[in-house]
C-alpha atoms as a PDB file:
ATOM      1  CA  MET A   1      46.658   6.201  44.037  1.00  0.00           C
ATOM      2  CA  SER A   2      47.486   6.013  40.622  1.00  0.00           C
ATOM      3  CA  PHE A   3      45.296   4.239  38.478  1.00  0.00           C
ATOM      4  CA  LYS A   4      47.386   1.510  37.634  1.00  0.00           C
ATOM      5  CA  ALA A   5      47.510   0.948  41.483  1.00  0.00           C
ATOM      6  CA  LEU A   6      43.854   0.554  41.335  1.00  0.00           C
ATOM      7  CA  LEU A   7      43.444  -1.774  39.161  1.00  0.00           C
ATOM      8  CA  HIS A   8      46.458  -4.247  41.241  1.00  0.00           C
ATOM      9  CA  ARG A   9      44.176  -3.247  44.296  1.00  0.00           C
ATOM     10  CA  TRP A  10      40.803  -4.259  42.537  1.00  0.00           C
ATOM     11  CA  ASP A  11      42.982  -7.766  41.621  1.00  0.00           C
ATOM     12  CA  GLU A  12      43.024  -8.387  45.553  1.00  0.00           C
ATOM     13  CA  THR A  13      39.797  -6.317  46.659  1.00  0.00           C
ATOM     14  CA  PRO A  14      40.895  -5.099  50.040  1.00  0.00           C
ATOM     15  CA  GLU A  15      38.492  -3.509  52.633  1.00  0.00           C
ATOM     16  CA  THR A  16      38.109   0.115  52.760  1.00  0.00           C
ATOM     17  CA  PRO A  17      36.744   1.603  55.884  1.00  0.00           C
ATOM     18  CA  LEU A  18      33.699   3.778  55.030  1.00  0.00           C
ATOM     19  CA  THR A  19      31.644   6.965  56.513  1.00  0.00           C
ATOM     20  CA  ALA A  20      28.285   6.778  57.285  1.00  0.00           C
ATOM     21  CA  GLU A  21      27.265   9.584  55.249  1.00  0.00           C
ATOM     22  CA  GLU A  22      26.156   8.407  52.069  1.00  0.00           C
ATOM     23  CA  TYR A  23      26.527  10.732  48.121  1.00  0.00           C
ATOM     24  CA  THR A  24      23.917  10.004  45.410  1.00  0.00           C
ATOM     25  CA  LEU A  25      24.631  10.742  41.886  1.00  0.00           C
ATOM     26  CA  ARG A  26      23.614  10.223  38.408  1.00  0.00           C
ATOM     27  CA  LEU A  27      26.293   9.399  35.454  1.00  0.00           C
ATOM     28  CA  ARG A  28      26.907  10.218  32.064  1.00  0.00           C
ATOM     29  CA  LEU A  29      25.914   6.980  29.865  1.00  0.00           C
ATOM     30  CA  GLU A  30      29.661   6.395  28.400  1.00  0.00           C
ATOM     31  CA  ASP A  31      30.722   7.211  32.485  1.00  0.00           C
ATOM     32  CA  ALA A  32      28.032   4.548  33.523  1.00  0.00           C
ATOM     33  CA  ALA A  33      29.292   1.960  30.379  1.00  0.00           C
ATOM     34  CA  ARG A  34      32.784   1.952  31.586  1.00  0.00           C
ATOM     35  CA  VAL A  35      32.159   1.397  35.213  1.00  0.00           C
ATOM     36  CA  GLU A  36      29.632  -1.754  34.264  1.00  0.00           C
ATOM     37  CA  ALA A  37      32.488  -2.638  32.301  1.00  0.00           C
ATOM     38  CA  LEU A  38      35.170  -2.257  34.881  1.00  0.00           C
ATOM     39  CA  ALA A  39      32.577  -4.464  37.004  1.00  0.00           C
ATOM     40  CA  GLU A  40      32.565  -7.204  34.842  1.00  0.00           C
ATOM     41  CA  MET A  41      36.142  -7.342  34.496  1.00  0.00           C
ATOM     42  CA  PHE A  42      36.891  -7.471  38.209  1.00  0.00           C
ATOM     43  CA  PRO A  43      33.687  -9.469  39.527  1.00  0.00           C
ATOM     44  CA  GLY A  44      35.030  -9.490  43.078  1.00  0.00           C
ATOM     45  CA  VAL A  45      34.777  -5.872  42.697  1.00  0.00           C
ATOM     46  CA  GLY A  46      31.158  -4.145  43.386  1.00  0.00           C
ATOM     47  CA  ARG A  47      30.409  -0.975  41.304  1.00  0.00           C
ATOM     48  CA  GLU A  48      30.151   1.115  44.526  1.00  0.00           C
ATOM     49  CA  GLN A  49      33.945   0.145  45.068  1.00  0.00           C
ATOM     50  CA  ILE A  50      35.075   0.868  42.048  1.00  0.00           C
ATOM     51  CA  LEU A  51      33.550   4.279  41.928  1.00  0.00           C
ATOM     52  CA  MET A  52      34.784   5.161  45.483  1.00  0.00           C
ATOM     53  CA  ASP A  53      38.286   4.157  44.334  1.00  0.00           C
ATOM     54  CA  LEU A  54      37.762   6.246  40.704  1.00  0.00           C
ATOM     55  CA  LEU A  55      36.350   9.143  42.931  1.00  0.00           C
ATOM     56  CA  GLY A  56      39.593   8.946  45.474  1.00  0.00           C
ATOM     57  CA  SER A  57      41.989   9.066  42.774  1.00  0.00           C
ATOM     58  CA  ALA A  58      40.790  11.574  40.769  1.00  0.00           C
ATOM     59  CA  LEU A  59      40.486  13.892  44.070  1.00  0.00           C
ATOM     60  CA  ASP A  60      44.195  12.814  44.971  1.00  0.00           C
ATOM     61  CA  GLU A  61      45.109  13.878  41.189  1.00  0.00           C
ATOM     62  CA  LEU A  62      43.188  17.266  41.720  1.00  0.00           C
ATOM     63  CA  ALA A  63      45.149  18.020  45.003  1.00  0.00           C
ATOM     64  CA  GLU A  64      48.608  17.188  43.192  1.00  0.00           C
ATOM     65  CA  SER A  65      47.657  19.330  40.259  1.00  0.00           C
ATOM     66  CA  MET A  66      46.936  22.429  42.241  1.00  0.00           C
ATOM     67  CA  PRO A  67      49.753  24.953  41.425  1.00  0.00           C
ATOM     68  CA  TYR A  68      51.980  26.008  44.327  1.00  0.00           C
ATOM     69  CA  VAL A  69      51.537  29.991  44.588  1.00  0.00           C
ATOM     70  CA  ALA A  70      54.399  31.627  46.814  1.00  0.00           C
ATOM     71  CA  GLY A  71      53.231  33.531  49.249  1.00  0.00           C
ATOM     72  CA  ASP A  72      55.110  36.713  51.135  1.00  0.00           C
ATOM     73  CA  ARG A  73      55.975  35.118  54.118  1.00  0.00           C
ATOM     74  CA  ILE A  74      59.537  33.064  54.667  1.00  0.00           C
ATOM     75  CA  ILE A  75      58.632  29.630  56.293  1.00  0.00           C
ATOM     76  CA  SER A  76      61.662  27.846  55.726  1.00  0.00           C
ATOM     77  CA  GLU A  77      65.147  27.530  53.737  1.00  0.00           C
ATOM     78  CA  ASP A  78      65.895  24.924  51.306  1.00  0.00           C
ATOM     79  CA  GLU A  79      69.707  23.077  51.404  1.00  0.00           C
ATOM     80  CA  PHE A  80      71.464  26.240  49.598  1.00  0.00           C
ATOM     81  CA  GLY A  81      69.952  28.719  52.342  1.00  0.00           C
ATOM     82  CA  ASP A  82      67.660  29.874  50.004  1.00  0.00           C
ATOM     83  CA  PRO A  83      63.900  31.061  51.309  1.00  0.00           C
ATOM     84  CA  ILE A  84      61.248  28.749  50.787  1.00  0.00           C
ATOM     85  CA  TYR A  85      57.689  30.861  50.630  1.00  0.00           C
ATOM     86  CA  GLU A  86      54.326  29.851  51.949  1.00  0.00           C
ATOM     87  CA  ASP A  87      52.202  28.641  49.632  1.00  0.00           C
ATOM     88  CA  ALA A  88      49.369  31.068  49.077  1.00  0.00           C
ATOM     89  CA  GLY A  89      47.510  28.996  46.643  1.00  0.00           C
ATOM     90  CA  ARG A  90      44.582  26.792  47.151  1.00  0.00           C
ATOM     91  CA  THR A  91      45.873  23.864  48.551  1.00  0.00           C
ATOM     92  CA  PRO A  92      47.122  25.113  51.971  1.00  0.00           C
ATOM     93  CA  ARG A  93      42.691  25.716  52.284  1.00  0.00           C
ATOM     94  CA  PHE A  94      42.034  22.283  50.817  1.00  0.00           C
ATOM     95  CA  ILE A  95      44.076  20.599  53.243  1.00  0.00           C
ATOM     96  CA  GLU A  96      42.632  22.450  56.215  1.00  0.00           C
ATOM     97  CA  LEU A  97      38.649  22.420  54.485  1.00  0.00           C
ATOM     98  CA  THR A  98      39.720  18.384  54.370  1.00  0.00           C
ATOM     99  CA  ARG A  99      40.822  18.178  57.830  1.00  0.00           C
ATOM    100  CA  LYS A 100      38.069  19.416  59.223  1.00  0.00           C
ATOM    101  CA  HIS A 101      35.651  17.502  57.242  1.00  0.00           C
ATOM    102  CA  LEU A 102      37.407  14.303  58.345  1.00  0.00           C
ATOM    103  CA  ALA A 103      36.850  15.037  61.625  1.00  0.00           C
ATOM    104  CA  ARG A 104      33.517  15.673  61.021  1.00  0.00           C
ATOM    105  CA  LEU A 105      33.028  12.524  59.268  1.00  0.00           C
ATOM    106  CA  THR A 106      34.760   9.928  61.589  1.00  0.00           C
ATOM    107  CA  PRO A 107      32.981   8.094  63.835  1.00  0.00           C
ATOM    108  CA  ARG A 108      33.622   8.652  67.339  1.00  0.00           C
ATOM    109  CA  GLY A 109      34.332   6.150  69.760  1.00  0.00           C
END
């Protein structure tokens, strides 16, 4: 989600499903001041929601920034018949580990 979309979302304050797992961290002073400023600008959105959304957006951007590294194996062809090689970079492993941990963190029932 883009940061622009976050600002729009905070105006609407939708509910987000949460994990039972909790993460505790200390912020740099300037970052804490920015979170406080956002909390004041969007009084209907709590600090926790702001931090969750910012972290989620940063992780999305990080995943999109991982470079494609062409592997040796051809997995498909494009519309011109040129080979498309498997991604041998970090993206496939990141996706695999994300799915693994999502399955572990998702409540059963």
